[in-house]
């Protein structure tokens, strides 16, 4: 699950940064200055990378057994600026806690009664 978490974190940051560039640089340049080049380049790249992000998010959600609501939050993170970073941090903390709990499971218990 560690590899799935790493893939998700990398894609969350890439998609988050791409969306910030698109929303705060590309769109204002396109509509404010009449320069559509940034939006024309970053838009399709963000769209493609968002699909890769979805695959990474769904893979991690499946492995970590997330609820439908948690998966929806992960999917929505690619639509709103800054949300990808917030959701990524919460998801990473939850998965890391799950992985830590799984490695700290007690050893198998003996079925014999203690000596009296």
C-alpha atoms as a PDB file:
ATOM      1  CA  UNK A   1       0.000   0.000   0.000  1.00  0.00           C
ATOM      2  CA  UNK A   2       3.032   2.257   0.456  1.00  0.00           C
ATOM      3  CA  UNK A   3       3.638   2.409  -3.310  1.00  0.00           C
ATOM      4  CA  UNK A   4      -0.027   3.248  -3.951  1.00  0.00           C
ATOM      5  CA  UNK A   5       0.182   6.054  -1.395  1.00  0.00           C
ATOM      6  CA  UNK A   6       3.322   7.450  -3.016  1.00  0.00           C
ATOM      7  CA  UNK A   7       1.698   7.375  -6.468  1.00  0.00           C
ATOM      8  CA  UNK A   8      -1.361   9.146  -5.102  1.00  0.00           C
ATOM      9  CA  UNK A   9       0.677  11.821  -3.311  1.00  0.00           C
ATOM     10  CA  UNK A  10       2.773  12.573  -6.401  1.00  0.00           C
ATOM     11  CA  UNK A  11      -0.278  12.804  -8.642  1.00  0.00           C
ATOM     12  CA  UNK A  12      -2.187  14.932  -6.120  1.00  0.00           C
ATOM     13  CA  UNK A  13       0.610  17.487  -6.069  1.00  0.00           C
ATOM     14  CA  UNK A  14       1.038  17.483  -9.852  1.00  0.00           C
ATOM     15  CA  UNK A  15      -2.691  17.894 -10.467  1.00  0.00           C
ATOM     16  CA  UNK A  16      -2.974  20.509  -7.714  1.00  0.00           C
ATOM     17  CA  UNK A  17      -0.142  22.619  -9.115  1.00  0.00           C
ATOM     18  CA  UNK A  18      -1.471  22.235 -12.658  1.00  0.00           C
ATOM     19  CA  UNK A  19      -4.914  23.401 -11.579  1.00  0.00           C
ATOM     20  CA  UNK A  20      -3.439  26.406  -9.760  1.00  0.00           C
ATOM     21  CA  UNK A  21      -1.486  27.401 -12.876  1.00  0.00           C
ATOM     22  CA  UNK A  22      -4.554  26.969 -15.046  1.00  0.00           C
ATOM     23  CA  UNK A  23      -6.945  28.871 -12.782  1.00  0.00           C
ATOM     24  CA  UNK A  24      -4.709  31.670 -11.533  1.00  0.00           C
ATOM     25  CA  UNK A  25      -2.463  32.219 -14.552  1.00  0.00           C
ATOM     26  CA  UNK A  26      -3.955  30.622 -17.668  1.00  0.00           C
ATOM     27  CA  UNK A  27      -7.573  31.755 -17.363  1.00  0.00           C
ATOM     28  CA  UNK A  28      -6.772  35.369 -16.363  1.00  0.00           C
ATOM     29  CA  UNK A  29      -4.302  35.645 -19.236  1.00  0.00           C
ATOM     30  CA  UNK A  30      -6.829  34.174 -21.656  1.00  0.00           C
ATOM     31  CA  UNK A  31      -9.757  36.377 -20.711  1.00  0.00           C
ATOM     32  CA  UNK A  32      -7.984  39.427 -19.270  1.00  0.00           C
ATOM     33  CA  UNK A  33      -5.099  39.863 -21.685  1.00  0.00           C
ATOM     34  CA  UNK A  34      -6.306  37.904 -24.700  1.00  0.00           C
ATOM     35  CA  UNK A  35      -3.405  35.447 -24.434  1.00  0.00           C
ATOM     36  CA  UNK A  36      -4.861  31.936 -24.551  1.00  0.00           C
ATOM     37  CA  UNK A  37      -1.538  30.086 -24.928  1.00  0.00           C
ATOM     38  CA  UNK A  38      -1.077  29.120 -21.263  1.00  0.00           C
ATOM     39  CA  UNK A  39      -4.639  27.809 -20.942  1.00  0.00           C
ATOM     40  CA  UNK A  40      -4.363  26.001 -24.286  1.00  0.00           C
ATOM     41  CA  UNK A  41      -1.222  24.198 -23.133  1.00  0.00           C
ATOM     42  CA  UNK A  42      -1.899  23.615 -19.434  1.00  0.00           C
ATOM     43  CA  UNK A  43      -5.604  22.748 -19.846  1.00  0.00           C
ATOM     44  CA  UNK A  44      -5.192  19.517 -21.834  1.00  0.00           C
ATOM     45  CA  UNK A  45      -2.152  18.490 -19.782  1.00  0.00           C
ATOM     46  CA  UNK A  46      -4.126  18.971 -16.566  1.00  0.00           C
ATOM     47  CA  UNK A  47      -7.027  17.004 -18.059  1.00  0.00           C
ATOM     48  CA  UNK A  48      -4.812  14.059 -18.961  1.00  0.00           C
ATOM     49  CA  UNK A  49      -2.995  14.105 -15.627  1.00  0.00           C
ATOM     50  CA  UNK A  50      -6.323  14.303 -13.794  1.00  0.00           C
ATOM     51  CA  UNK A  51      -7.261  10.950 -15.359  1.00  0.00           C
ATOM     52  CA  UNK A  52      -3.956   9.492 -14.110  1.00  0.00           C
ATOM     53  CA  UNK A  53      -4.680  11.049 -10.693  1.00  0.00           C
ATOM     54  CA  UNK A  54      -8.125   9.380 -10.675  1.00  0.00           C
ATOM     55  CA  UNK A  55      -6.563   5.992 -11.323  1.00  0.00           C
ATOM     56  CA  UNK A  56      -4.039   6.500  -8.521  1.00  0.00           C
ATOM     57  CA  UNK A  57      -6.755   7.745  -6.142  1.00  0.00           C
ATOM     58  CA  UNK A  58      -9.112   4.864  -6.893  1.00  0.00           C
ATOM     59  CA  UNK A  59      -6.297   2.337  -6.533  1.00  0.00           C
ATOM     60  CA  UNK A  60      -5.362   3.732  -3.121  1.00  0.00           C
ATOM     61  CA  UNK A  61      -9.003   3.995  -2.039  1.00  0.00           C
ATOM     62  CA  UNK A  62      -9.563   0.345  -2.965  1.00  0.00           C
ATOM     63  CA  UNK A  63      -6.466  -0.840  -1.131  1.00  0.00           C
ATOM     64  CA  UNK A  64      -7.234   1.248   1.968  1.00  0.00           C
ATOM     65  CA  UNK A  65     -10.938   0.295   1.862  1.00  0.00           C
ATOM     66  CA  UNK A  66     -12.210   3.870   1.826  1.00  0.00           C
ATOM     67  CA  UNK A  67     -15.911   4.629   1.932  1.00  0.00           C
ATOM     68  CA  UNK A  68     -17.743   6.049  -1.063  1.00  0.00           C
ATOM     69  CA  UNK A  69     -17.777   9.504   0.530  1.00  0.00           C
ATOM     70  CA  UNK A  70     -14.005   9.405   1.029  1.00  0.00           C
ATOM     71  CA  UNK A  71     -13.526   8.383  -2.598  1.00  0.00           C
ATOM     72  CA  UNK A  72     -15.759  11.245  -3.754  1.00  0.00           C
ATOM     73  CA  UNK A  73     -13.642  13.685  -1.736  1.00  0.00           C
ATOM     74  CA  UNK A  74     -10.522  12.352  -3.437  1.00  0.00           C
ATOM     75  CA  UNK A  75     -12.116  12.702  -6.874  1.00  0.00           C
ATOM     76  CA  UNK A  76     -13.360  16.240  -6.159  1.00  0.00           C
ATOM     77  CA  UNK A  77      -9.898  17.344  -5.058  1.00  0.00           C
ATOM     78  CA  UNK A  78      -8.868  17.749  -8.691  1.00  0.00           C
ATOM     79  CA  UNK A  79     -11.623  20.274  -9.391  1.00  0.00           C
ATOM     80  CA  UNK A  80     -11.043  23.016  -6.810  1.00  0.00           C
ATOM     81  CA  UNK A  81      -7.778  24.925  -6.401  1.00  0.00           C
ATOM     82  CA  UNK A  82      -5.919  24.101  -3.175  1.00  0.00           C
ATOM     83  CA  UNK A  83      -8.301  21.238  -2.313  1.00  0.00           C
ATOM     84  CA  UNK A  84      -5.910  18.637  -3.740  1.00  0.00           C
ATOM     85  CA  UNK A  85      -3.306  19.593  -1.142  1.00  0.00           C
ATOM     86  CA  UNK A  86      -5.771  19.487   1.760  1.00  0.00           C
ATOM     87  CA  UNK A  87      -7.327  16.167   0.776  1.00  0.00           C
ATOM     88  CA  UNK A  88      -3.909  14.658   0.024  1.00  0.00           C
ATOM     89  CA  UNK A  89      -2.680  15.495   3.523  1.00  0.00           C
ATOM     90  CA  UNK A  90      -5.762  13.976   5.174  1.00  0.00           C
ATOM     91  CA  UNK A  91      -5.659  10.852   3.004  1.00  0.00           C
ATOM     92  CA  UNK A  92      -1.938  10.378   3.597  1.00  0.00           C
ATOM     93  CA  UNK A  93      -2.354  10.704   7.355  1.00  0.00           C
ATOM     94  CA  UNK A  94      -5.198   8.182   7.382  1.00  0.00           C
ATOM     95  CA  UNK A  95      -3.360   5.635   5.219  1.00  0.00           C
ATOM     96  CA  UNK A  96      -0.126   6.030   7.176  1.00  0.00           C
ATOM     97  CA  UNK A  97      -2.082   5.409  10.394  1.00  0.00           C
ATOM     98  CA  UNK A  98      -3.626   2.291   8.846  1.00  0.00           C
ATOM     99  CA  UNK A  99      -0.235   1.001   7.726  1.00  0.00           C
ATOM    100  CA  UNK A 100       1.285   1.677  11.152  1.00  0.00           C
ATOM    101  CA  UNK A 101      -1.580  -0.136  12.868  1.00  0.00           C
ATOM    102  CA  UNK A 102      -1.140  -3.096  10.530  1.00  0.00           C
ATOM    103  CA  UNK A 103       2.567  -3.392  11.311  1.00  0.00           C
ATOM    104  CA  UNK A 104       2.020  -3.074  15.067  1.00  0.00           C
ATOM    105  CA  UNK A 105      -0.402  -5.972  15.316  1.00  0.00           C
ATOM    106  CA  UNK A 106       0.367  -8.195  18.289  1.00  0.00           C
ATOM    107  CA  UNK A 107       1.963 -11.557  17.630  1.00  0.00           C
ATOM    108  CA  UNK A 108      -0.333 -14.525  17.413  1.00  0.00           C
ATOM    109  CA  UNK A 109      -1.589 -15.556  20.806  1.00  0.00           C
ATOM    110  CA  UNK A 110      -1.150 -18.966  22.249  1.00  0.00           C
ATOM    111  CA  UNK A 111      -4.228 -21.071  22.842  1.00  0.00           C
ATOM    112  CA  UNK A 112      -2.768 -22.903  25.800  1.00  0.00           C
ATOM    113  CA  UNK A 113      -3.609 -21.872  29.351  1.00  0.00           C
ATOM    114  CA  UNK A 114      -0.855 -20.292  31.418  1.00  0.00           C
ATOM    115  CA  UNK A 115       0.910 -22.486  33.944  1.00  0.00           C
ATOM    116  CA  UNK A 116      -0.535 -22.197  37.432  1.00  0.00           C
END
